[in-house]
Amino acid sequence: MGKISITAVMFSFFVSAFLGPVLIPFLRWLKCGQMVRSDGPAAHLKKMGTPTMGGILILFSVTATSLLFIKDYPKIAPVLLLTVGFGLVGLLDDYIKIVYRRSMGLSPWQKLLGQLLVTGLFVWYLTRYTDVSLAMRVPFLSWRYLDFGIWNVPIAFFVTLGTANGANFTDGLDGLAASVTLMIAVFFSVVAIGTSAGIEPITCAVAGALMGFLLFNVHPAAVFMGDTGSLALGGFVAGCSYMLQMPLYIVIIGMIYLAEVCSVILQVGYYKLSGGKRIFRMAPLHHHFELGGWSETRITALFTIVTALMCLVALRGL
């Protein structure tokens, strides 16, 4: 592991760790308390009022670290654009929730529009100012790439939005989204360093920022990342996957994201088709396990271990 990567991890970690004790009381003073769903697990009612928008810690740490290296590592730019762009959409969503004291911020269409605009900027930058192709490396067939021609762009929109919202759905338990994404950030760091892809400073920065954030986000959480953090992390994962030409690998390393999204789609679809019946006790998937008697820490540990194992599978697929 090079000096640059180690520096990025350590700098981002310390920024996140030292900023936490300053930001959390400030968020509490601003009354940026979490609004809990009334139809959610009863155990979550005690979380009402816990400061949210903690994703600012992650965004600030990653941005500050990336700016130190962006001159020598220009390929950081599109990943940072997608990460910060989605984070700002999430920040606006969190802000509206807090101001209007409700569990829903932006309307689904408003949030989608914001995500589409940010994704459009990312794809435009990628195709115009980098030499990175939208063709996708095939897992376990590393010499083969899938190139869908003009369909590469709409596919990029689908992958990016799906990944961002997968990360968003995963953020529902203390430490869950941060721990799962930490494993993915480490995976991208290993690949970026091994292939000299030029994005390792930002992948390592995210890993460091998440380790610092977890100091305050493990159960019982002192702060939640909110949509500010979860959407930013989803954007980061999608951005890295395209810079490494590995969108297909998201199905492997992001299996938890995928499971969370699919559980919601299946639950809603079956509920409407069956006239009120459910497949899961509650969706997203982590709530199904929670209502089955599992503790938050057990679910977080399981999902993190699964992600770590799938990252090893993905490395084997290279």
C-alpha atoms as a PDB file:
ATOM      1  CA  MET A   1       0.000   0.000   0.000  1.00  0.00           C
ATOM      2  CA  GLY A   2       1.586   3.286  -1.113  1.00  0.00           C
ATOM      3  CA  LYS A   3       2.291   6.333   1.013  1.00  0.00           C
ATOM      4  CA  ILE A   4      -0.455   8.276  -0.776  1.00  0.00           C
ATOM      5  CA  SER A   5      -3.092   5.700   0.112  1.00  0.00           C
ATOM      6  CA  ILE A   6      -2.009   5.504   3.748  1.00  0.00           C
ATOM      7  CA  THR A   7      -1.971   9.287   3.997  1.00  0.00           C
ATOM      8  CA  ALA A   8      -5.471   9.505   2.506  1.00  0.00           C
ATOM      9  CA  VAL A   9      -6.870   6.951   4.959  1.00  0.00           C
ATOM     10  CA  MET A  10      -5.267   8.517   8.008  1.00  0.00           C
ATOM     11  CA  PHE A  11      -6.017  12.134   7.106  1.00  0.00           C
ATOM     12  CA  SER A  12      -9.663  11.408   6.317  1.00  0.00           C
ATOM     13  CA  PHE A  13     -10.058   9.319   9.477  1.00  0.00           C
ATOM     14  CA  PHE A  14      -8.669  12.024  11.746  1.00  0.00           C
ATOM     15  CA  VAL A  15     -10.749  14.774  10.112  1.00  0.00           C
ATOM     16  CA  SER A  16     -13.889  12.681  10.628  1.00  0.00           C
ATOM     17  CA  ALA A  17     -12.957  11.605  14.150  1.00  0.00           C
ATOM     18  CA  PHE A  18     -12.058  15.095  15.373  1.00  0.00           C
ATOM     19  CA  LEU A  19     -14.942  16.838  13.615  1.00  0.00           C
ATOM     20  CA  GLY A  20     -17.530  14.498  15.167  1.00  0.00           C
ATOM     21  CA  PRO A  21     -17.429  15.927  18.725  1.00  0.00           C
ATOM     22  CA  VAL A  22     -17.834  19.409  17.224  1.00  0.00           C
ATOM     23  CA  LEU A  23     -20.559  18.676  14.675  1.00  0.00           C
ATOM     24  CA  ILE A  24     -22.797  16.415  16.772  1.00  0.00           C
ATOM     25  CA  PRO A  25     -23.469  18.958  19.574  1.00  0.00           C
ATOM     26  CA  PHE A  26     -23.979  21.616  16.888  1.00  0.00           C
ATOM     27  CA  LEU A  27     -26.589  19.441  15.120  1.00  0.00           C
ATOM     28  CA  ARG A  28     -28.250  18.813  18.477  1.00  0.00           C
ATOM     29  CA  TRP A  29     -28.291  22.564  19.154  1.00  0.00           C
ATOM     30  CA  LEU A  30     -29.914  23.135  15.760  1.00  0.00           C
ATOM     31  CA  LYS A  31     -32.505  20.503  16.731  1.00  0.00           C
ATOM     32  CA  CYS A  32     -31.591  18.369  13.717  1.00  0.00           C
ATOM     33  CA  GLY A  33     -33.259  15.361  15.295  1.00  0.00           C
ATOM     34  CA  GLN A  34     -34.218  12.201  13.443  1.00  0.00           C
ATOM     35  CA  MET A  35     -37.901  11.780  12.596  1.00  0.00           C
ATOM     36  CA  VAL A  36     -38.858   8.108  13.029  1.00  0.00           C
ATOM     37  CA  ARG A  37     -41.487   6.363  10.884  1.00  0.00           C
ATOM     38  CA  SER A  38     -44.655   5.770  12.885  1.00  0.00           C
ATOM     39  CA  ASP A  39     -45.123   2.408  11.133  1.00  0.00           C
ATOM     40  CA  GLY A  40     -41.558   1.279  11.811  1.00  0.00           C
ATOM     41  CA  PRO A  41     -40.247  -1.072  14.508  1.00  0.00           C
ATOM     42  CA  ALA A  42     -41.318   0.074  17.970  1.00  0.00           C
ATOM     43  CA  ALA A  43     -37.726  -0.181  19.193  1.00  0.00           C
ATOM     44  CA  HIS A  44     -36.805   2.709  16.902  1.00  0.00           C
ATOM     45  CA  LEU A  45     -39.051   5.179  18.714  1.00  0.00           C
ATOM     46  CA  LYS A  46     -36.321   5.708  21.293  1.00  0.00           C
ATOM     47  CA  LYS A  47     -34.120   7.040  18.480  1.00  0.00           C
ATOM     48  CA  MET A  48     -36.438  10.001  17.974  1.00  0.00           C
ATOM     49  CA  GLY A  49     -34.399  13.183  18.283  1.00  0.00           C
ATOM     50  CA  THR A  50     -30.975  11.619  17.653  1.00  0.00           C
ATOM     51  CA  PRO A  51     -29.063  14.109  15.469  1.00  0.00           C
ATOM     52  CA  THR A  52     -29.122  13.307  11.764  1.00  0.00           C
ATOM     53  CA  MET A  53     -27.277  14.824   8.768  1.00  0.00           C
ATOM     54  CA  GLY A  54     -24.101  13.232  10.159  1.00  0.00           C
ATOM     55  CA  GLY A  55     -23.216  12.445   6.564  1.00  0.00           C
ATOM     56  CA  ILE A  56     -21.713  15.936   6.575  1.00  0.00           C
ATOM     57  CA  LEU A  57     -18.804  14.348   8.478  1.00  0.00           C
ATOM     58  CA  ILE A  58     -18.236  11.902   5.638  1.00  0.00           C
ATOM     59  CA  LEU A  59     -18.658  14.474   2.870  1.00  0.00           C
ATOM     60  CA  PHE A  60     -16.334  17.006   4.490  1.00  0.00           C
ATOM     61  CA  SER A  61     -13.626  14.444   5.260  1.00  0.00           C
ATOM     62  CA  VAL A  62     -13.701  12.917   1.782  1.00  0.00           C
ATOM     63  CA  THR A  63     -13.793  16.279   0.019  1.00  0.00           C
ATOM     64  CA  ALA A  64     -10.972  17.773   2.085  1.00  0.00           C
ATOM     65  CA  THR A  65      -8.792  14.707   1.521  1.00  0.00           C
ATOM     66  CA  SER A  66      -9.559  14.463  -2.186  1.00  0.00           C
ATOM     67  CA  LEU A  67      -8.677  18.115  -2.782  1.00  0.00           C
ATOM     68  CA  LEU A  68      -5.192  17.425  -1.419  1.00  0.00           C
ATOM     69  CA  PHE A  69      -4.543  14.912  -4.187  1.00  0.00           C
ATOM     70  CA  ILE A  70      -6.784  15.964  -7.073  1.00  0.00           C
ATOM     71  CA  LYS A  71      -4.039  17.839  -8.913  1.00  0.00           C
ATOM     72  CA  ASP A  72      -1.911  14.705  -9.232  1.00  0.00           C
ATOM     73  CA  TYR A  73      -4.904  12.351  -9.454  1.00  0.00           C
ATOM     74  CA  PRO A  74      -7.424  14.057 -11.784  1.00  0.00           C
ATOM     75  CA  LYS A  75      -9.494  10.873 -12.121  1.00  0.00           C
ATOM     76  CA  ILE A  76     -10.724  11.588  -8.603  1.00  0.00           C
ATOM     77  CA  ALA A  77     -12.842  14.434  -9.993  1.00  0.00           C
ATOM     78  CA  PRO A  78     -15.797  12.486 -11.493  1.00  0.00           C
ATOM     79  CA  VAL A  79     -16.074  10.255  -8.424  1.00  0.00           C
ATOM     80  CA  LEU A  80     -15.995  13.303  -6.153  1.00  0.00           C
ATOM     81  CA  LEU A  81     -18.595  15.009  -8.359  1.00  0.00           C
ATOM     82  CA  LEU A  82     -21.010  12.090  -8.028  1.00  0.00           C
ATOM     83  CA  THR A  83     -20.349  11.661  -4.302  1.00  0.00           C
ATOM     84  CA  VAL A  84     -20.809  15.327  -3.404  1.00  0.00           C
ATOM     85  CA  GLY A  85     -23.683  15.801  -5.868  1.00  0.00           C
ATOM     86  CA  PHE A  86     -25.743  12.973  -4.417  1.00  0.00           C
ATOM     87  CA  GLY A  87     -24.754  14.096  -0.932  1.00  0.00           C
ATOM     88  CA  LEU A  88     -26.179  17.562  -1.593  1.00  0.00           C
ATOM     89  CA  VAL A  89     -29.454  16.045  -2.820  1.00  0.00           C
ATOM     90  CA  GLY A  90     -29.563  14.076   0.423  1.00  0.00           C
ATOM     91  CA  LEU A  91     -28.690  17.166   2.453  1.00  0.00           C
ATOM     92  CA  LEU A  92     -31.640  19.048   0.991  1.00  0.00           C
ATOM     93  CA  ASP A  93     -33.880  16.061   1.708  1.00  0.00           C
ATOM     94  CA  ASP A  94     -32.701  15.910   5.336  1.00  0.00           C
ATOM     95  CA  TYR A  95     -33.085  19.667   5.747  1.00  0.00           C
ATOM     96  CA  ILE A  96     -36.726  19.569   4.637  1.00  0.00           C
ATOM     97  CA  LYS A  97     -37.443  16.698   7.034  1.00  0.00           C
ATOM     98  CA  ILE A  98     -36.036  18.698   9.918  1.00  0.00           C
ATOM     99  CA  VAL A  99     -37.668  22.031   9.053  1.00  0.00           C
ATOM    100  CA  TYR A 100     -41.114  20.531   8.516  1.00  0.00           C
ATOM    101  CA  ARG A 101     -40.717  17.887  11.264  1.00  0.00           C
ATOM    102  CA  ARG A 102     -41.728  14.944   9.094  1.00  0.00           C
ATOM    103  CA  SER A 103     -40.196  11.596   8.124  1.00  0.00           C
ATOM    104  CA  MET A 104     -40.331  12.426   4.400  1.00  0.00           C
ATOM    105  CA  GLY A 105     -38.354  15.292   2.869  1.00  0.00           C
ATOM    106  CA  LEU A 106     -38.262  15.803  -0.878  1.00  0.00           C
ATOM    107  CA  SER A 107     -41.045  14.166  -2.845  1.00  0.00           C
ATOM    108  CA  PRO A 108     -39.980  11.049  -4.796  1.00  0.00           C
ATOM    109  CA  TRP A 109     -40.070  13.011  -8.058  1.00  0.00           C
ATOM    110  CA  GLN A 110     -38.014  15.890  -6.648  1.00  0.00           C
ATOM    111  CA  LYS A 111     -35.394  13.492  -5.314  1.00  0.00           C
ATOM    112  CA  LEU A 112     -35.316  11.594  -8.617  1.00  0.00           C
ATOM    113  CA  LEU A 113     -34.891  14.817 -10.592  1.00  0.00           C
ATOM    114  CA  GLY A 114     -31.935  15.846  -8.444  1.00  0.00           C
ATOM    115  CA  GLN A 115     -30.316  12.449  -8.869  1.00  0.00           C
ATOM    116  CA  LEU A 116     -30.869  12.524 -12.633  1.00  0.00           C
ATOM    117  CA  LEU A 117     -29.203  15.930 -12.921  1.00  0.00           C
ATOM    118  CA  VAL A 118     -26.154  14.837 -10.922  1.00  0.00           C
ATOM    119  CA  THR A 119     -25.871  11.575 -12.857  1.00  0.00           C
ATOM    120  CA  GLY A 120     -26.132  13.459 -16.130  1.00  0.00           C
ATOM    121  CA  LEU A 121     -23.223  15.705 -15.102  1.00  0.00           C
ATOM    122  CA  PHE A 122     -21.176  12.655 -14.123  1.00  0.00           C
ATOM    123  CA  VAL A 123     -21.774  10.806 -17.405  1.00  0.00           C
ATOM    124  CA  TRP A 124     -21.081  13.988 -19.397  1.00  0.00           C
ATOM    125  CA  TYR A 125     -17.796  14.573 -17.541  1.00  0.00           C
ATOM    126  CA  LEU A 126     -16.788  10.925 -17.852  1.00  0.00           C
ATOM    127  CA  THR A 127     -17.346  10.728 -21.592  1.00  0.00           C
ATOM    128  CA  ARG A 128     -15.978  14.180 -22.427  1.00  0.00           C
ATOM    129  CA  TYR A 129     -13.024  14.740 -20.127  1.00  0.00           C
ATOM    130  CA  THR A 130     -11.681  11.263 -19.341  1.00  0.00           C
ATOM    131  CA  ASP A 131     -10.438   8.319 -21.361  1.00  0.00           C
ATOM    132  CA  VAL A 132     -12.553   5.883 -19.342  1.00  0.00           C
ATOM    133  CA  SER A 133     -14.934   3.816 -21.443  1.00  0.00           C
ATOM    134  CA  LEU A 134     -18.478   2.968 -20.364  1.00  0.00           C
ATOM    135  CA  ALA A 135     -17.805  -0.638 -21.434  1.00  0.00           C
ATOM    136  CA  MET A 136     -18.051  -3.019 -18.482  1.00  0.00           C
ATOM    137  CA  ARG A 137     -15.604  -5.672 -17.360  1.00  0.00           C
ATOM    138  CA  VAL A 138     -17.233  -9.110 -17.062  1.00  0.00           C
ATOM    139  CA  PRO A 139     -16.694 -10.830 -13.671  1.00  0.00           C
ATOM    140  CA  PHE A 140     -14.589 -14.020 -13.867  1.00  0.00           C
ATOM    141  CA  LEU A 141     -13.854 -13.240 -17.520  1.00  0.00           C
ATOM    142  CA  SER A 142     -11.473 -10.343 -16.962  1.00  0.00           C
ATOM    143  CA  TRP A 143     -10.421 -10.204 -20.612  1.00  0.00           C
ATOM    144  CA  ARG A 144     -13.989  -9.591 -21.779  1.00  0.00           C
ATOM    145  CA  TYR A 145     -15.943  -6.345 -21.745  1.00  0.00           C
ATOM    146  CA  LEU A 146     -19.587  -5.654 -22.477  1.00  0.00           C
ATOM    147  CA  ASP A 147     -20.179  -2.624 -24.666  1.00  0.00           C
ATOM    148  CA  PHE A 148     -23.787  -1.714 -25.414  1.00  0.00           C
ATOM    149  CA  GLY A 149     -22.979   1.256 -27.623  1.00  0.00           C
ATOM    150  CA  ILE A 150     -25.597   3.998 -27.368  1.00  0.00           C
ATOM    151  CA  TRP A 151     -27.297   2.040 -24.578  1.00  0.00           C
ATOM    152  CA  ASN A 152     -24.269   2.536 -22.317  1.00  0.00           C
ATOM    153  CA  VAL A 153     -25.570   5.944 -21.224  1.00  0.00           C
ATOM    154  CA  PRO A 154     -29.079   4.900 -20.090  1.00  0.00           C
ATOM    155  CA  ILE A 155     -27.503   1.848 -18.438  1.00  0.00           C
ATOM    156  CA  ALA A 156     -25.160   4.187 -16.541  1.00  0.00           C
ATOM    157  CA  PHE A 157     -28.173   6.160 -15.296  1.00  0.00           C
ATOM    158  CA  PHE A 158     -29.912   2.951 -14.194  1.00  0.00           C
ATOM    159  CA  VAL A 159     -26.828   1.601 -12.399  1.00  0.00           C
ATOM    160  CA  THR A 160     -26.048   4.901 -10.671  1.00  0.00           C
ATOM    161  CA  LEU A 161     -29.576   5.585  -9.456  1.00  0.00           C
ATOM    162  CA  GLY A 162     -30.086   1.974  -8.423  1.00  0.00           C
ATOM    163  CA  THR A 163     -26.845   1.906  -6.444  1.00  0.00           C
ATOM    164  CA  ALA A 164     -27.508   5.230  -4.714  1.00  0.00           C
ATOM    165  CA  ASN A 165     -30.984   4.177  -3.653  1.00  0.00           C
ATOM    166  CA  GLY A 166     -29.705   0.761  -2.589  1.00  0.00           C
ATOM    167  CA  ALA A 167     -27.316   2.498  -0.196  1.00  0.00           C
ATOM    168  CA  ASN A 168     -30.170   4.746   0.926  1.00  0.00           C
ATOM    169  CA  PHE A 169     -32.416   1.766   1.774  1.00  0.00           C
ATOM    170  CA  THR A 170     -29.543   0.079   3.612  1.00  0.00           C
ATOM    171  CA  ASP A 171     -29.257   3.015   5.995  1.00  0.00           C
ATOM    172  CA  GLY A 172     -31.796   1.950   8.598  1.00  0.00           C
ATOM    173  CA  LEU A 173     -29.841   0.523  11.520  1.00  0.00           C
ATOM    174  CA  ASP A 174     -26.989   1.867  13.618  1.00  0.00           C
ATOM    175  CA  GLY A 175     -23.719   1.401  11.742  1.00  0.00           C
ATOM    176  CA  LEU A 176     -25.239  -0.692   8.937  1.00  0.00           C
ATOM    177  CA  ALA A 177     -24.738   1.441   5.817  1.00  0.00           C
ATOM    178  CA  ALA A 178     -21.366   2.704   7.044  1.00  0.00           C
ATOM    179  CA  SER A 179     -20.034  -0.792   7.818  1.00  0.00           C
ATOM    180  CA  VAL A 180     -21.254  -2.332   4.566  1.00  0.00           C
ATOM    181  CA  THR A 181     -19.888   0.530   2.470  1.00  0.00           C
ATOM    182  CA  LEU A 182     -16.583   0.440   4.351  1.00  0.00           C
ATOM    183  CA  MET A 183     -16.038  -3.083   3.029  1.00  0.00           C
ATOM    184  CA  ILE A 184     -16.833  -1.909  -0.497  1.00  0.00           C
ATOM    185  CA  ALA A 185     -14.485   1.081  -0.165  1.00  0.00           C
ATOM    186  CA  VAL A 186     -11.674  -1.251   0.919  1.00  0.00           C
ATOM    187  CA  PHE A 187     -12.415  -3.477  -2.099  1.00  0.00           C
ATOM    188  CA  PHE A 188     -12.220  -0.518  -4.490  1.00  0.00           C
ATOM    189  CA  SER A 189      -9.017   0.637  -2.803  1.00  0.00           C
ATOM    190  CA  VAL A 190      -7.373  -2.748  -3.343  1.00  0.00           C
ATOM    191  CA  VAL A 191      -8.422  -2.814  -7.001  1.00  0.00           C
ATOM    192  CA  ALA A 192      -7.467   0.827  -7.625  1.00  0.00           C
ATOM    193  CA  ILE A 193      -4.021   0.375  -6.075  1.00  0.00           C
ATOM    194  CA  GLY A 194      -3.442  -2.946  -7.839  1.00  0.00           C
ATOM    195  CA  THR A 195      -4.402  -1.568 -11.254  1.00  0.00           C
ATOM    196  CA  SER A 196      -2.931   1.951 -10.772  1.00  0.00           C
ATOM    197  CA  ALA A 197      -6.348   3.321 -11.718  1.00  0.00           C
ATOM    198  CA  GLY A 198      -5.658   6.756 -10.273  1.00  0.00           C
ATOM    199  CA  ILE A 199      -8.642   6.943  -7.905  1.00  0.00           C
ATOM    200  CA  GLU A 200      -7.083   5.338  -4.845  1.00  0.00           C
ATOM    201  CA  PRO A 201      -6.896   8.604  -2.844  1.00  0.00           C
ATOM    202  CA  ILE A 202     -10.685   8.967  -2.824  1.00  0.00           C
ATOM    203  CA  THR A 203     -11.408   5.281  -2.203  1.00  0.00           C
ATOM    204  CA  CYS A 204      -9.009   5.359   0.745  1.00  0.00           C
ATOM    205  CA  ALA A 205     -10.478   8.686   1.892  1.00  0.00           C
ATOM    206  CA  VAL A 206     -13.952   7.161   2.044  1.00  0.00           C
ATOM    207  CA  ALA A 207     -12.615   4.174   3.989  1.00  0.00           C
ATOM    208  CA  GLY A 208     -10.945   6.507   6.498  1.00  0.00           C
ATOM    209  CA  ALA A 209     -13.990   8.776   6.775  1.00  0.00           C
ATOM    210  CA  LEU A 210     -16.287   5.819   7.442  1.00  0.00           C
ATOM    211  CA  MET A 211     -14.004   4.453  10.155  1.00  0.00           C
ATOM    212  CA  GLY A 212     -14.081   7.860  11.824  1.00  0.00           C
ATOM    213  CA  PHE A 213     -17.846   8.143  11.400  1.00  0.00           C
ATOM    214  CA  LEU A 214     -18.424   4.705  12.909  1.00  0.00           C
ATOM    215  CA  LEU A 215     -16.940   5.952  16.173  1.00  0.00           C
ATOM    216  CA  PHE A 216     -20.210   7.864  16.583  1.00  0.00           C
ATOM    217  CA  ASN A 217     -22.585   5.689  14.558  1.00  0.00           C
ATOM    218  CA  VAL A 218     -22.230   2.218  16.081  1.00  0.00           C
ATOM    219  CA  HIS A 219     -25.077   1.069  18.320  1.00  0.00           C
ATOM    220  CA  PRO A 220     -26.338   3.044  20.150  1.00  0.00           C
ATOM    221  CA  ALA A 221     -25.702   5.732  17.565  1.00  0.00           C
ATOM    222  CA  ALA A 222     -24.897   9.271  18.681  1.00  0.00           C
ATOM    223  CA  VAL A 223     -25.594  10.522  15.152  1.00  0.00           C
ATOM    224  CA  PHE A 224     -27.163   9.212  11.951  1.00  0.00           C
ATOM    225  CA  MET A 225     -25.756   9.840   8.492  1.00  0.00           C
ATOM    226  CA  GLY A 226     -29.176  10.631   7.011  1.00  0.00           C
ATOM    227  CA  ASP A 227     -29.746  10.822   3.282  1.00  0.00           C
ATOM    228  CA  THR A 228     -26.790  13.215   3.188  1.00  0.00           C
ATOM    229  CA  GLY A 229     -24.499  10.288   3.878  1.00  0.00           C
ATOM    230  CA  SER A 230     -26.322   7.336   2.356  1.00  0.00           C
ATOM    231  CA  LEU A 231     -26.911   8.947  -1.045  1.00  0.00           C
ATOM    232  CA  ALA A 232     -23.332  10.243  -1.096  1.00  0.00           C
ATOM    233  CA  LEU A 233     -22.024   6.736  -0.409  1.00  0.00           C
ATOM    234  CA  GLY A 234     -24.218   5.277  -3.145  1.00  0.00           C
ATOM    235  CA  GLY A 235     -22.871   7.875  -5.555  1.00  0.00           C
ATOM    236  CA  PHE A 236     -19.328   7.014  -4.488  1.00  0.00           C
ATOM    237  CA  VAL A 237     -19.836   3.305  -5.160  1.00  0.00           C
ATOM    238  CA  ALA A 238     -21.389   3.937  -8.570  1.00  0.00           C
ATOM    239  CA  GLY A 239     -18.680   6.432  -9.494  1.00  0.00           C
ATOM    240  CA  CYS A 240     -15.826   4.112  -8.541  1.00  0.00           C
ATOM    241  CA  SER A 241     -17.417   1.213 -10.383  1.00  0.00           C
ATOM    242  CA  TYR A 242     -17.482   3.207 -13.626  1.00  0.00           C
ATOM    243  CA  MET A 243     -13.975   4.604 -13.223  1.00  0.00           C
ATOM    244  CA  LEU A 244     -12.764   1.006 -12.824  1.00  0.00           C
ATOM    245  CA  GLN A 245     -15.148  -0.264 -15.540  1.00  0.00           C
ATOM    246  CA  MET A 246     -16.735  -2.565 -12.957  1.00  0.00           C
ATOM    247  CA  PRO A 247     -20.471  -1.761 -12.807  1.00  0.00           C
ATOM    248  CA  LEU A 248     -21.297  -5.463 -13.149  1.00  0.00           C
ATOM    249  CA  TYR A 249     -19.352  -6.124  -9.968  1.00  0.00           C
ATOM    250  CA  ILE A 250     -21.872  -4.083  -7.970  1.00  0.00           C
ATOM    251  CA  VAL A 251     -24.193  -7.094  -8.133  1.00  0.00           C
ATOM    252  CA  ILE A 252     -21.518  -8.992  -6.186  1.00  0.00           C
ATOM    253  CA  ILE A 253     -19.985  -6.466  -3.795  1.00  0.00           C
ATOM    254  CA  GLY A 254     -23.273  -4.601  -3.385  1.00  0.00           C
ATOM    255  CA  MET A 255     -25.364  -7.706  -2.745  1.00  0.00           C
ATOM    256  CA  ILE A 256     -26.745  -6.148   0.441  1.00  0.00           C
ATOM    257  CA  TYR A 257     -27.754  -2.999  -1.456  1.00  0.00           C
ATOM    258  CA  LEU A 258     -29.453  -5.185  -4.051  1.00  0.00           C
ATOM    259  CA  ALA A 259     -31.240  -7.299  -1.454  1.00  0.00           C
ATOM    260  CA  GLU A 260     -32.529  -4.192   0.331  1.00  0.00           C
ATOM    261  CA  VAL A 261     -33.889  -2.665  -2.896  1.00  0.00           C
ATOM    262  CA  CYS A 262     -35.431  -5.918  -4.111  1.00  0.00           C
ATOM    263  CA  SER A 263     -37.111  -6.521  -0.753  1.00  0.00           C
ATOM    264  CA  VAL A 264     -38.873  -3.149  -1.040  1.00  0.00           C
ATOM    265  CA  ILE A 265     -39.906  -3.742  -4.658  1.00  0.00           C
ATOM    266  CA  LEU A 266     -41.204  -7.238  -3.889  1.00  0.00           C
ATOM    267  CA  GLN A 267     -43.010  -6.107  -0.750  1.00  0.00           C
ATOM    268  CA  VAL A 268     -44.780  -3.197  -2.420  1.00  0.00           C
ATOM    269  CA  GLY A 269     -45.619  -5.171  -5.566  1.00  0.00           C
ATOM    270  CA  TYR A 270     -46.954  -8.203  -3.710  1.00  0.00           C
ATOM    271  CA  TYR A 271     -48.906  -6.003  -1.299  1.00  0.00           C
ATOM    272  CA  LYS A 272     -50.740  -4.337  -4.179  1.00  0.00           C
ATOM    273  CA  LEU A 273     -51.299  -7.513  -6.190  1.00  0.00           C
ATOM    274  CA  SER A 274     -52.470  -9.618  -3.247  1.00  0.00           C
ATOM    275  CA  GLY A 275     -54.718  -7.018  -1.685  1.00  0.00           C
ATOM    276  CA  GLY A 276     -52.732  -6.371   1.451  1.00  0.00           C
ATOM    277  CA  LYS A 277     -50.552  -9.459   2.008  1.00  0.00           C
ATOM    278  CA  ARG A 278     -46.824  -9.216   2.681  1.00  0.00           C
ATOM    279  CA  ILE A 279     -43.774 -11.330   1.837  1.00  0.00           C
ATOM    280  CA  PHE A 280     -41.578  -9.863   4.572  1.00  0.00           C
ATOM    281  CA  ARG A 281     -42.482  -8.794   8.093  1.00  0.00           C
ATOM    282  CA  MET A 282     -41.326  -5.356   6.992  1.00  0.00           C
ATOM    283  CA  ALA A 283     -39.161  -3.898   4.237  1.00  0.00           C
ATOM    284  CA  PRO A 284     -36.317  -3.030   3.697  1.00  0.00           C
ATOM    285  CA  LEU A 285     -34.837  -6.415   4.488  1.00  0.00           C
ATOM    286  CA  HIS A 286     -32.989  -5.434   7.676  1.00  0.00           C
ATOM    287  CA  HIS A 287     -36.331  -4.628   9.331  1.00  0.00           C
ATOM    288  CA  HIS A 288     -37.573  -8.144   8.478  1.00  0.00           C
ATOM    289  CA  PHE A 289     -34.753  -9.606  10.572  1.00  0.00           C
ATOM    290  CA  GLU A 290     -35.250  -6.999  13.274  1.00  0.00           C
ATOM    291  CA  LEU A 291     -38.938  -7.855  13.680  1.00  0.00           C
ATOM    292  CA  GLY A 292     -37.889 -11.498  13.796  1.00  0.00           C
ATOM    293  CA  GLY A 293     -36.061 -10.819  17.046  1.00  0.00           C
ATOM    294  CA  TRP A 294     -32.539 -10.100  15.793  1.00  0.00           C
ATOM    295  CA  SER A 295     -30.631  -7.270  17.463  1.00  0.00           C
ATOM    296  CA  GLU A 296     -29.329  -4.347  15.433  1.00  0.00           C
ATOM    297  CA  THR A 297     -25.729  -5.305  16.140  1.00  0.00           C
ATOM    298  CA  ARG A 298     -26.309  -8.881  14.969  1.00  0.00           C
ATOM    299  CA  ILE A 299     -27.917  -7.759  11.710  1.00  0.00           C
ATOM    300  CA  THR A 300     -25.159  -5.219  11.081  1.00  0.00           C
ATOM    301  CA  ALA A 301     -22.494  -7.832  11.741  1.00  0.00           C
ATOM    302  CA  LEU A 302     -24.161 -10.352   9.416  1.00  0.00           C
ATOM    303  CA  PHE A 303     -24.637  -7.904   6.551  1.00  0.00           C
ATOM    304  CA  THR A 304     -21.063  -6.635   6.923  1.00  0.00           C
ATOM    305  CA  ILE A 305     -19.618 -10.146   6.924  1.00  0.00           C
ATOM    306  CA  VAL A 306     -21.663 -11.050   3.851  1.00  0.00           C
ATOM    307  CA  THR A 307     -20.352  -7.948   2.079  1.00  0.00           C
ATOM    308  CA  ALA A 308     -16.750  -8.740   3.056  1.00  0.00           C
ATOM    309  CA  LEU A 309     -17.107 -12.282   1.719  1.00  0.00           C
ATOM    310  CA  MET A 310     -18.683 -11.052  -1.514  1.00  0.00           C
ATOM    311  CA  CYS A 311     -15.815  -8.584  -1.943  1.00  0.00           C
ATOM    312  CA  LEU A 312     -13.416 -11.521  -1.735  1.00  0.00           C
ATOM    313  CA  VAL A 313     -15.490 -13.336  -4.353  1.00  0.00           C
ATOM    314  CA  ALA A 314     -15.285 -10.240  -6.561  1.00  0.00           C
ATOM    315  CA  LEU A 315     -11.505 -10.076  -6.136  1.00  0.00           C
ATOM    316  CA  ARG A 316     -11.349 -13.693  -7.227  1.00  0.00           C
ATOM    317  CA  GLY A 317     -13.429 -12.690 -10.229  1.00  0.00           C
ATOM    318  CA  LEU A 318     -10.675 -10.331 -11.361  1.00  0.00           C
END
